[in-house]
Amino acid sequence: MFSSHRHLKRRTPAQGIDRREYIGHLVEEFHTTTNIEAQEQVTANLANFAYDPINWPYLLEADALDVFVASLESQDQHLKLHGIAALCNICLDKSAAKFIREHLNLLIGLFVRTDHPEIVLHSLALFYQLLEGGQVDRELLLTPSLLRTVQEWRLKAQDQRIVKLFAPQQVQVVKRFSQSDLEQFAQFTGDHNYIHSLDTPVEERRVHGALLNAVVAGIIGTKLPGPGTVVLEQNFRFLKPCRIETDTVVTVRLLEARKIATVEYDCRQNDEVVFAGRAKLLTRSQTD
């Protein structure tokens, strides 16, 4: 049986049908029809209804959430898309959020396995809303497989909506360099220039420029983009002396997550940039 507005009208009394009853008919139609195209139209309608909070009580009452989960378990890509879109639309409802938590493994599995950009976008939007709304524990949602898949999509995505969703990203750390740091770095590198030593008054003493760059490299290699990253090219400038025993804010921003990633970075003391640059990186998926 094919579900459509025309079909529903045939079952509608002359005075019309209210929204609550209409949603109930859609849910019933999904369970009784064996026609995939009919199910696709039903789930598309239900997903649209889920967009408006006024419909949430009717959807919950009609057990539409079961329809959305059944859609995710289907082999049909359109049903999967409608199911995840609907859950994304309704997830701010507390009862719906509880239901979604009970099916979290199904959602994560769908995200990890899909190659459909629209499903990826709706999944990410759903995960974000659950986290921001405090509806799910980070440890339960941010599994290694999910985080790995996020990283893969961030690197391989051609769809500009996904590219823009992931970039720019930023990591920021605060360092406070001591004289001991300078001495250890000088011992390792052989750079015993007196401007880094006790021979220079503390107010004139400078942190090694290469030490600043090493801190940036540490962020690039462990946090953004992360392990496996190889630096292909760097351009940087030392704009002001970097002093010891002063908070140094080191920021790395991911500008482009493509085949060759691009980051920019800077170090600031007292809101003044002392070191800044840009680098092109070969990320893990390209180095494997």
C-alpha atoms as a PDB file:
ATOM      1  CA  MET A   1       0.000   0.000   0.000  1.00  0.00           C
ATOM      2  CA  PHE A   2       1.398   3.415  -0.967  1.00  0.00           C
ATOM      3  CA  SER A   3       1.231   6.115   1.663  1.00  0.00           C
ATOM      4  CA  SER A   4       0.411   9.610   0.472  1.00  0.00           C
ATOM      5  CA  HIS A   5      -1.737  12.577   1.360  1.00  0.00           C
ATOM      6  CA  ARG A   6      -4.269  11.313  -1.188  1.00  0.00           C
ATOM      7  CA  HIS A   7      -4.351   7.886   0.457  1.00  0.00           C
ATOM      8  CA  LEU A   8      -4.817   9.426   3.889  1.00  0.00           C
ATOM      9  CA  LYS A   9      -7.613  11.630   2.606  1.00  0.00           C
ATOM     10  CA  ARG A  10      -9.497   8.498   1.554  1.00  0.00           C
ATOM     11  CA  ARG A  11      -9.411   7.474   5.215  1.00  0.00           C
ATOM     12  CA  THR A  12     -10.272  10.954   6.476  1.00  0.00           C
ATOM     13  CA  PRO A  13     -13.773  12.038   7.487  1.00  0.00           C
ATOM     14  CA  ALA A  14     -15.340  14.991   5.689  1.00  0.00           C
ATOM     15  CA  GLN A  15     -14.493  17.391   8.497  1.00  0.00           C
ATOM     16  CA  GLY A  16     -10.795  16.653   8.054  1.00  0.00           C
ATOM     17  CA  ILE A  17      -8.099  15.084  10.183  1.00  0.00           C
ATOM     18  CA  ASP A  18      -6.090  16.698  12.938  1.00  0.00           C
ATOM     19  CA  ARG A  19      -2.333  16.558  13.208  1.00  0.00           C
ATOM     20  CA  ARG A  20      -2.302  14.035  16.025  1.00  0.00           C
ATOM     21  CA  GLU A  21      -4.436  11.569  14.096  1.00  0.00           C
ATOM     22  CA  TYR A  22      -2.512  12.170  10.887  1.00  0.00           C
ATOM     23  CA  ILE A  23       0.788  11.284  12.585  1.00  0.00           C
ATOM     24  CA  GLY A  24      -0.834   8.157  13.985  1.00  0.00           C
ATOM     25  CA  HIS A  25      -1.930   7.133  10.490  1.00  0.00           C
ATOM     26  CA  LEU A  26       1.600   7.658   9.176  1.00  0.00           C
ATOM     27  CA  VAL A  27       3.081   5.407  11.865  1.00  0.00           C
ATOM     28  CA  GLU A  28       0.448   2.758  11.174  1.00  0.00           C
ATOM     29  CA  GLU A  29       1.157   2.986   7.465  1.00  0.00           C
ATOM     30  CA  PHE A  30       4.875   2.414   8.000  1.00  0.00           C
ATOM     31  CA  HIS A  31       4.226  -0.818   9.884  1.00  0.00           C
ATOM     32  CA  THR A  32       1.572  -2.189   7.522  1.00  0.00           C
ATOM     33  CA  THR A  33       3.040  -1.439   4.108  1.00  0.00           C
ATOM     34  CA  THR A  34       5.687  -3.604   2.458  1.00  0.00           C
ATOM     35  CA  ASN A  35       6.433  -1.000  -0.192  1.00  0.00           C
ATOM     36  CA  ILE A  36       9.830   0.662   0.386  1.00  0.00           C
ATOM     37  CA  GLU A  37       8.832   3.769  -1.542  1.00  0.00           C
ATOM     38  CA  ALA A  38       5.772   4.115   0.676  1.00  0.00           C
ATOM     39  CA  GLN A  39       7.922   3.774   3.796  1.00  0.00           C
ATOM     40  CA  GLU A  40      10.307   6.394   2.444  1.00  0.00           C
ATOM     41  CA  GLN A  41       7.469   8.861   2.001  1.00  0.00           C
ATOM     42  CA  VAL A  42       6.076   8.098   5.461  1.00  0.00           C
ATOM     43  CA  THR A  43       9.437   8.596   7.174  1.00  0.00           C
ATOM     44  CA  ALA A  44      10.096  11.787   5.217  1.00  0.00           C
ATOM     45  CA  ASN A  45       6.774  13.166   6.471  1.00  0.00           C
ATOM     46  CA  LEU A  46       7.465  12.095  10.049  1.00  0.00           C
ATOM     47  CA  ALA A  47      10.944  13.627   9.956  1.00  0.00           C
ATOM     48  CA  ASN A  48       9.395  16.904   8.834  1.00  0.00           C
ATOM     49  CA  PHE A  49       6.890  16.743  11.681  1.00  0.00           C
ATOM     50  CA  ALA A  50       9.765  16.158  14.118  1.00  0.00           C
ATOM     51  CA  TYR A  51      11.222  19.524  13.129  1.00  0.00           C
ATOM     52  CA  ASP A  52       8.429  21.366  14.979  1.00  0.00           C
ATOM     53  CA  PRO A  53       8.330  20.943  18.795  1.00  0.00           C
ATOM     54  CA  ILE A  54       4.548  21.272  18.740  1.00  0.00           C
ATOM     55  CA  ASN A  55       4.437  17.828  17.143  1.00  0.00           C
ATOM     56  CA  TRP A  56       6.751  16.071  19.588  1.00  0.00           C
ATOM     57  CA  PRO A  57       4.001  14.869  21.977  1.00  0.00           C
ATOM     58  CA  TYR A  58       2.052  13.415  19.040  1.00  0.00           C
ATOM     59  CA  LEU A  59       5.133  11.639  17.693  1.00  0.00           C
ATOM     60  CA  LEU A  60       5.922  10.175  21.112  1.00  0.00           C
ATOM     61  CA  GLU A  61       2.328   9.100  21.656  1.00  0.00           C
ATOM     62  CA  ALA A  62       2.233   7.371  18.263  1.00  0.00           C
ATOM     63  CA  ASP A  63       5.546   5.558  18.938  1.00  0.00           C
ATOM     64  CA  ALA A  64       7.123   7.267  15.944  1.00  0.00           C
ATOM     65  CA  LEU A  65      10.538   6.851  17.582  1.00  0.00           C
ATOM     66  CA  ASP A  66      10.249   3.115  16.926  1.00  0.00           C
ATOM     67  CA  VAL A  67       9.728   3.948  13.256  1.00  0.00           C
ATOM     68  CA  PHE A  68      12.892   6.041  13.247  1.00  0.00           C
ATOM     69  CA  VAL A  69      14.932   3.236  14.810  1.00  0.00           C
ATOM     70  CA  ALA A  70      13.482   0.698  12.377  1.00  0.00           C
ATOM     71  CA  SER A  71      14.525   3.035   9.575  1.00  0.00           C
ATOM     72  CA  LEU A  72      18.099   3.111  10.870  1.00  0.00           C
ATOM     73  CA  GLU A  73      18.145  -0.689  10.868  1.00  0.00           C
ATOM     74  CA  SER A  74      16.908  -0.832   7.278  1.00  0.00           C
ATOM     75  CA  GLN A  75      19.188  -1.449   4.303  1.00  0.00           C
ATOM     76  CA  ASP A  76      17.561   1.458   2.454  1.00  0.00           C
ATOM     77  CA  GLN A  77      19.683   4.620   2.470  1.00  0.00           C
ATOM     78  CA  HIS A  78      16.682   6.941   2.263  1.00  0.00           C
ATOM     79  CA  LEU A  79      15.096   5.334   5.304  1.00  0.00           C
ATOM     80  CA  LYS A  80      18.360   5.613   7.218  1.00  0.00           C
ATOM     81  CA  LEU A  81      18.616   9.286   6.287  1.00  0.00           C
ATOM     82  CA  HIS A  82      15.032  10.043   7.293  1.00  0.00           C
ATOM     83  CA  GLY A  83      15.482   8.166  10.562  1.00  0.00           C
ATOM     84  CA  ILE A  84      18.628   9.999  11.632  1.00  0.00           C
ATOM     85  CA  ALA A  85      17.213  13.354  10.486  1.00  0.00           C
ATOM     86  CA  ALA A  86      14.072  12.786  12.553  1.00  0.00           C
ATOM     87  CA  LEU A  87      16.040  11.855  15.675  1.00  0.00           C
ATOM     88  CA  CYS A  88      18.229  14.917  15.166  1.00  0.00           C
ATOM     89  CA  ASN A  89      15.096  17.080  14.987  1.00  0.00           C
ATOM     90  CA  ILE A  90      13.433  15.655  18.087  1.00  0.00           C
ATOM     91  CA  CYS A  91      16.460  14.963  20.308  1.00  0.00           C
ATOM     92  CA  LEU A  92      15.947  18.042  22.501  1.00  0.00           C
ATOM     93  CA  ASP A  93      12.782  16.489  23.909  1.00  0.00           C
ATOM     94  CA  LYS A  94      13.757  14.809  27.197  1.00  0.00           C
ATOM     95  CA  SER A  95      11.740  11.647  26.566  1.00  0.00           C
ATOM     96  CA  ALA A  96      13.155  11.374  23.061  1.00  0.00           C
ATOM     97  CA  ALA A  97      16.681  11.952  24.371  1.00  0.00           C
ATOM     98  CA  LYS A  98      16.232   9.092  26.846  1.00  0.00           C
ATOM     99  CA  PHE A  99      15.049   6.843  24.014  1.00  0.00           C
ATOM    100  CA  ILE A 100      18.025   7.884  21.883  1.00  0.00           C
ATOM    101  CA  ARG A 101      20.463   7.080  24.705  1.00  0.00           C
ATOM    102  CA  GLU A 102      19.039   3.567  24.802  1.00  0.00           C
ATOM    103  CA  HIS A 103      19.934   3.169  21.115  1.00  0.00           C
ATOM    104  CA  LEU A 104      23.283   4.947  21.195  1.00  0.00           C
ATOM    105  CA  ASN A 105      25.233   1.946  19.915  1.00  0.00           C
ATOM    106  CA  LEU A 106      22.977   1.772  16.863  1.00  0.00           C
ATOM    107  CA  LEU A 107      23.576   5.458  16.121  1.00  0.00           C
ATOM    108  CA  ILE A 108      27.333   5.182  16.559  1.00  0.00           C
ATOM    109  CA  GLY A 109      27.392   2.083  14.365  1.00  0.00           C
ATOM    110  CA  LEU A 110      25.477   3.873  11.620  1.00  0.00           C
ATOM    111  CA  PHE A 111      27.868   6.828  11.714  1.00  0.00           C
ATOM    112  CA  VAL A 112      30.968   4.637  11.668  1.00  0.00           C
ATOM    113  CA  ARG A 113      29.784   2.532   8.715  1.00  0.00           C
ATOM    114  CA  THR A 114      28.046   5.053   6.465  1.00  0.00           C
ATOM    115  CA  ASP A 115      29.570   6.731   3.435  1.00  0.00           C
ATOM    116  CA  HIS A 116      26.535   9.009   2.955  1.00  0.00           C
ATOM    117  CA  PRO A 117      27.432  12.706   3.572  1.00  0.00           C
ATOM    118  CA  GLU A 118      23.868  13.647   4.559  1.00  0.00           C
ATOM    119  CA  ILE A 119      23.745  10.893   7.176  1.00  0.00           C
ATOM    120  CA  VAL A 120      27.126  12.073   8.466  1.00  0.00           C
ATOM    121  CA  LEU A 121      25.898  15.663   8.801  1.00  0.00           C
ATOM    122  CA  HIS A 122      22.708  14.703  10.643  1.00  0.00           C
ATOM    123  CA  SER A 123      24.620  12.296  12.894  1.00  0.00           C
ATOM    124  CA  LEU A 124      27.141  14.962  13.853  1.00  0.00           C
ATOM    125  CA  ALA A 125      24.362  17.468  14.514  1.00  0.00           C
ATOM    126  CA  LEU A 126      22.594  14.906  16.703  1.00  0.00           C
ATOM    127  CA  PHE A 127      25.751  14.081  18.667  1.00  0.00           C
ATOM    128  CA  TYR A 128      26.507  17.768  19.172  1.00  0.00           C
ATOM    129  CA  GLN A 129      23.031  18.512  20.502  1.00  0.00           C
ATOM    130  CA  LEU A 130      23.132  15.546  22.870  1.00  0.00           C
ATOM    131  CA  LEU A 131      26.485  16.645  24.271  1.00  0.00           C
ATOM    132  CA  GLU A 132      25.637  20.340  24.516  1.00  0.00           C
ATOM    133  CA  GLY A 133      22.318  19.578  26.171  1.00  0.00           C
ATOM    134  CA  GLY A 134      23.945  17.282  28.715  1.00  0.00           C
ATOM    135  CA  GLN A 135      21.750  14.422  27.516  1.00  0.00           C
ATOM    136  CA  VAL A 136      24.568  11.888  27.178  1.00  0.00           C
ATOM    137  CA  ASP A 137      27.867  11.179  28.919  1.00  0.00           C
ATOM    138  CA  ARG A 138      30.868  12.079  26.796  1.00  0.00           C
ATOM    139  CA  GLU A 139      32.518   8.765  27.655  1.00  0.00           C
ATOM    140  CA  LEU A 140      29.557   6.809  26.294  1.00  0.00           C
ATOM    141  CA  LEU A 141      29.287   8.747  23.049  1.00  0.00           C
ATOM    142  CA  LEU A 142      32.877   9.617  22.173  1.00  0.00           C
ATOM    143  CA  THR A 143      34.083   6.080  21.614  1.00  0.00           C
ATOM    144  CA  PRO A 144      37.428   5.412  19.891  1.00  0.00           C
ATOM    145  CA  SER A 145      35.638   4.225  16.748  1.00  0.00           C
ATOM    146  CA  LEU A 146      33.472   7.360  16.607  1.00  0.00           C
ATOM    147  CA  LEU A 147      36.431   9.693  17.139  1.00  0.00           C
ATOM    148  CA  ARG A 148      38.455   7.822  14.531  1.00  0.00           C
ATOM    149  CA  THR A 149      35.602   8.158  12.031  1.00  0.00           C
ATOM    150  CA  VAL A 150      35.266  11.876  12.771  1.00  0.00           C
ATOM    151  CA  GLN A 151      38.974  12.277  12.051  1.00  0.00           C
ATOM    152  CA  GLU A 152      38.661  10.319   8.801  1.00  0.00           C
ATOM    153  CA  TRP A 153      35.738  12.431   7.590  1.00  0.00           C
ATOM    154  CA  ARG A 154      37.552  15.602   8.569  1.00  0.00           C
ATOM    155  CA  LEU A 155      40.456  14.589   6.349  1.00  0.00           C
ATOM    156  CA  LYS A 156      38.678  13.039   3.371  1.00  0.00           C
ATOM    157  CA  ALA A 157      35.456  15.031   3.066  1.00  0.00           C
ATOM    158  CA  GLN A 158      34.771  16.630  -0.313  1.00  0.00           C
ATOM    159  CA  ASP A 159      31.352  17.965   0.693  1.00  0.00           C
ATOM    160  CA  GLN A 160      31.969  21.604   1.635  1.00  0.00           C
ATOM    161  CA  ARG A 161      29.331  21.474   4.371  1.00  0.00           C
ATOM    162  CA  ILE A 162      31.359  18.809   6.160  1.00  0.00           C
ATOM    163  CA  VAL A 163      34.637  20.607   5.482  1.00  0.00           C
ATOM    164  CA  LYS A 164      33.253  23.826   6.966  1.00  0.00           C
ATOM    165  CA  LEU A 165      31.800  21.920   9.903  1.00  0.00           C
ATOM    166  CA  PHE A 166      35.236  20.693  10.920  1.00  0.00           C
ATOM    167  CA  ALA A 167      37.379  23.713  10.108  1.00  0.00           C
ATOM    168  CA  PRO A 168      38.724  25.869  11.525  1.00  0.00           C
ATOM    169  CA  GLN A 169      39.619  24.072  14.719  1.00  0.00           C
ATOM    170  CA  GLN A 170      41.851  25.374  17.440  1.00  0.00           C
ATOM    171  CA  VAL A 171      44.015  24.134  20.295  1.00  0.00           C
ATOM    172  CA  GLN A 172      45.460  26.491  22.871  1.00  0.00           C
ATOM    173  CA  VAL A 173      47.930  25.862  25.688  1.00  0.00           C
ATOM    174  CA  VAL A 174      49.652  28.153  28.173  1.00  0.00           C
ATOM    175  CA  LYS A 175      53.372  27.722  28.844  1.00  0.00           C
ATOM    176  CA  ARG A 176      55.588  29.519  31.340  1.00  0.00           C
ATOM    177  CA  PHE A 177      59.231  29.043  30.404  1.00  0.00           C
ATOM    178  CA  SER A 178      61.782  28.890  33.217  1.00  0.00           C
ATOM    179  CA  GLN A 179      65.541  29.307  33.181  1.00  0.00           C
ATOM    180  CA  SER A 180      65.767  25.564  33.727  1.00  0.00           C
ATOM    181  CA  ASP A 181      63.812  25.015  30.485  1.00  0.00           C
ATOM    182  CA  LEU A 182      66.272  27.209  28.599  1.00  0.00           C
ATOM    183  CA  GLU A 183      69.296  25.463  30.080  1.00  0.00           C
ATOM    184  CA  GLN A 184      67.974  21.991  29.248  1.00  0.00           C
ATOM    185  CA  PHE A 185      67.169  23.070  25.696  1.00  0.00           C
ATOM    186  CA  ALA A 186      70.631  24.634  25.314  1.00  0.00           C
ATOM    187  CA  GLN A 187      72.256  21.465  26.629  1.00  0.00           C
ATOM    188  CA  PHE A 188      70.372  19.321  24.126  1.00  0.00           C
ATOM    189  CA  THR A 189      70.836  21.585  21.081  1.00  0.00           C
ATOM    190  CA  GLY A 190      74.197  23.147  21.848  1.00  0.00           C
ATOM    191  CA  ASP A 191      72.711  26.643  21.539  1.00  0.00           C
ATOM    192  CA  HIS A 192      74.490  28.339  24.449  1.00  0.00           C
ATOM    193  CA  ASN A 193      73.987  31.859  23.123  1.00  0.00           C
ATOM    194  CA  TYR A 194      74.387  34.196  26.112  1.00  0.00           C
ATOM    195  CA  ILE A 195      71.036  35.900  25.387  1.00  0.00           C
ATOM    196  CA  HIS A 196      69.407  32.754  26.812  1.00  0.00           C
ATOM    197  CA  SER A 197      71.693  32.444  29.837  1.00  0.00           C
ATOM    198  CA  LEU A 198      72.222  33.921  33.277  1.00  0.00           C
ATOM    199  CA  ASP A 199      74.821  36.222  31.712  1.00  0.00           C
ATOM    200  CA  THR A 200      71.905  38.320  30.445  1.00  0.00           C
ATOM    201  CA  PRO A 201      69.640  40.278  32.840  1.00  0.00           C
ATOM    202  CA  VAL A 202      66.344  38.460  33.321  1.00  0.00           C
ATOM    203  CA  GLU A 203      64.314  41.305  31.816  1.00  0.00           C
ATOM    204  CA  GLU A 204      66.382  41.013  28.609  1.00  0.00           C
ATOM    205  CA  ARG A 205      66.760  37.245  28.511  1.00  0.00           C
ATOM    206  CA  ARG A 206      65.073  35.507  25.563  1.00  0.00           C
ATOM    207  CA  VAL A 207      63.457  32.110  25.143  1.00  0.00           C
ATOM    208  CA  HIS A 208      65.011  30.163  22.268  1.00  0.00           C
ATOM    209  CA  GLY A 209      62.994  30.659  19.102  1.00  0.00           C
ATOM    210  CA  ALA A 210      63.417  26.988  18.270  1.00  0.00           C
ATOM    211  CA  LEU A 211      61.925  26.103  21.664  1.00  0.00           C
ATOM    212  CA  LEU A 212      58.776  28.033  20.782  1.00  0.00           C
ATOM    213  CA  ASN A 213      58.585  26.187  17.484  1.00  0.00           C
ATOM    214  CA  ALA A 214      59.083  22.888  19.310  1.00  0.00           C
ATOM    215  CA  VAL A 215      56.061  23.604  21.515  1.00  0.00           C
ATOM    216  CA  VAL A 216      53.998  24.283  18.387  1.00  0.00           C
ATOM    217  CA  ALA A 217      55.277  21.019  16.885  1.00  0.00           C
ATOM    218  CA  GLY A 218      54.185  19.203  20.033  1.00  0.00           C
ATOM    219  CA  ILE A 219      50.627  20.469  19.620  1.00  0.00           C
ATOM    220  CA  ILE A 220      50.580  19.591  15.919  1.00  0.00           C
ATOM    221  CA  GLY A 221      51.905  16.092  16.563  1.00  0.00           C
ATOM    222  CA  THR A 222      49.689  15.198  19.521  1.00  0.00           C
ATOM    223  CA  LYS A 223      46.530  17.322  19.399  1.00  0.00           C
ATOM    224  CA  LEU A 224      45.832  19.077  16.094  1.00  0.00           C
ATOM    225  CA  PRO A 225      45.795  17.346  13.654  1.00  0.00           C
ATOM    226  CA  GLY A 226      47.348  14.725  15.959  1.00  0.00           C
ATOM    227  CA  PRO A 227      49.557  11.609  15.967  1.00  0.00           C
ATOM    228  CA  GLY A 228      51.121  10.618  12.671  1.00  0.00           C
ATOM    229  CA  THR A 229      51.258  14.174  11.320  1.00  0.00           C
ATOM    230  CA  VAL A 230      54.373  15.123   9.338  1.00  0.00           C
ATOM    231  CA  VAL A 231      55.388  18.752   8.743  1.00  0.00           C
ATOM    232  CA  LEU A 232      56.036  19.406   5.048  1.00  0.00           C
ATOM    233  CA  GLU A 233      56.606  23.145   5.050  1.00  0.00           C
ATOM    234  CA  GLN A 234      56.804  25.992   7.568  1.00  0.00           C
ATOM    235  CA  ASN A 235      56.996  29.754   7.393  1.00  0.00           C
ATOM    236  CA  PHE A 236      57.294  31.751  10.597  1.00  0.00           C
ATOM    237  CA  ARG A 237      58.428  35.061  12.077  1.00  0.00           C
ATOM    238  CA  PHE A 238      59.793  36.139  15.447  1.00  0.00           C
ATOM    239  CA  LEU A 239      58.066  39.446  16.068  1.00  0.00           C
ATOM    240  CA  LYS A 240      59.129  40.243  19.630  1.00  0.00           C
ATOM    241  CA  PRO A 241      61.405  38.718  22.263  1.00  0.00           C
ATOM    242  CA  CYS A 242      59.759  35.943  24.266  1.00  0.00           C
ATOM    243  CA  ARG A 243      60.616  36.376  27.956  1.00  0.00           C
ATOM    244  CA  ILE A 244      60.975  33.788  30.690  1.00  0.00           C
ATOM    245  CA  GLU A 245      58.655  33.510  33.698  1.00  0.00           C
ATOM    246  CA  THR A 246      55.806  35.056  31.700  1.00  0.00           C
ATOM    247  CA  ASP A 247      52.625  33.286  30.608  1.00  0.00           C
ATOM    248  CA  THR A 248      52.919  32.378  26.932  1.00  0.00           C
ATOM    249  CA  VAL A 249      49.685  31.498  25.131  1.00  0.00           C
ATOM    250  CA  VAL A 250      50.397  29.100  22.264  1.00  0.00           C
ATOM    251  CA  THR A 251      47.570  28.711  19.733  1.00  0.00           C
ATOM    252  CA  VAL A 252      47.349  26.383  16.736  1.00  0.00           C
ATOM    253  CA  ARG A 253      44.417  26.746  14.316  1.00  0.00           C
ATOM    254  CA  LEU A 254      43.475  24.240  11.631  1.00  0.00           C
ATOM    255  CA  LEU A 255      42.599  26.255   8.540  1.00  0.00           C
ATOM    256  CA  GLU A 256      42.164  23.519   5.973  1.00  0.00           C
ATOM    257  CA  ALA A 257      41.595  19.806   6.514  1.00  0.00           C
ATOM    258  CA  ARG A 258      42.236  18.472   3.036  1.00  0.00           C
ATOM    259  CA  LYS A 259      44.761  16.023   1.599  1.00  0.00           C
ATOM    260  CA  ILE A 260      47.456  18.432   2.737  1.00  0.00           C
ATOM    261  CA  ALA A 261      46.322  20.163   5.926  1.00  0.00           C
ATOM    262  CA  THR A 262      47.175  23.783   6.709  1.00  0.00           C
ATOM    263  CA  VAL A 263      47.590  25.279  10.173  1.00  0.00           C
ATOM    264  CA  GLU A 264      48.517  28.692  11.460  1.00  0.00           C
ATOM    265  CA  TYR A 265      49.908  29.340  14.902  1.00  0.00           C
ATOM    266  CA  ASP A 266      51.133  32.063  17.212  1.00  0.00           C
ATOM    267  CA  CYS A 267      52.602  32.626  20.655  1.00  0.00           C
ATOM    268  CA  ARG A 268      51.487  35.625  22.700  1.00  0.00           C
ATOM    269  CA  GLN A 269      52.738  37.278  25.853  1.00  0.00           C
ATOM    270  CA  ASN A 270      50.609  39.990  27.450  1.00  0.00           C
ATOM    271  CA  ASP A 271      48.340  39.890  24.366  1.00  0.00           C
ATOM    272  CA  GLU A 272      51.250  40.674  22.043  1.00  0.00           C
ATOM    273  CA  VAL A 273      52.318  38.236  19.325  1.00  0.00           C
ATOM    274  CA  VAL A 274      55.943  37.199  19.787  1.00  0.00           C
ATOM    275  CA  PHE A 275      56.016  34.321  17.306  1.00  0.00           C
ATOM    276  CA  ALA A 276      53.696  33.442  14.409  1.00  0.00           C
ATOM    277  CA  GLY A 277      53.694  31.138  11.436  1.00  0.00           C
ATOM    278  CA  ARG A 278      51.936  28.737   9.131  1.00  0.00           C
ATOM    279  CA  ALA A 279      52.630  25.122   8.163  1.00  0.00           C
ATOM    280  CA  LYS A 280      51.534  22.534   5.619  1.00  0.00           C
ATOM    281  CA  LEU A 281      51.124  19.054   7.025  1.00  0.00           C
ATOM    282  CA  LEU A 282      50.831  15.492   5.816  1.00  0.00           C
ATOM    283  CA  THR A 283      48.242  13.895   8.077  1.00  0.00           C
ATOM    284  CA  ARG A 284      47.974  10.330   9.292  1.00  0.00           C
ATOM    285  CA  SER A 285      45.593   9.031   6.611  1.00  0.00           C
ATOM    286  CA  GLN A 286      48.110  10.083   3.949  1.00  0.00           C
ATOM    287  CA  THR A 287      51.146   8.703   5.798  1.00  0.00           C
ATOM    288  CA  ASP A 288      49.685   5.217   6.441  1.00  0.00           C
END
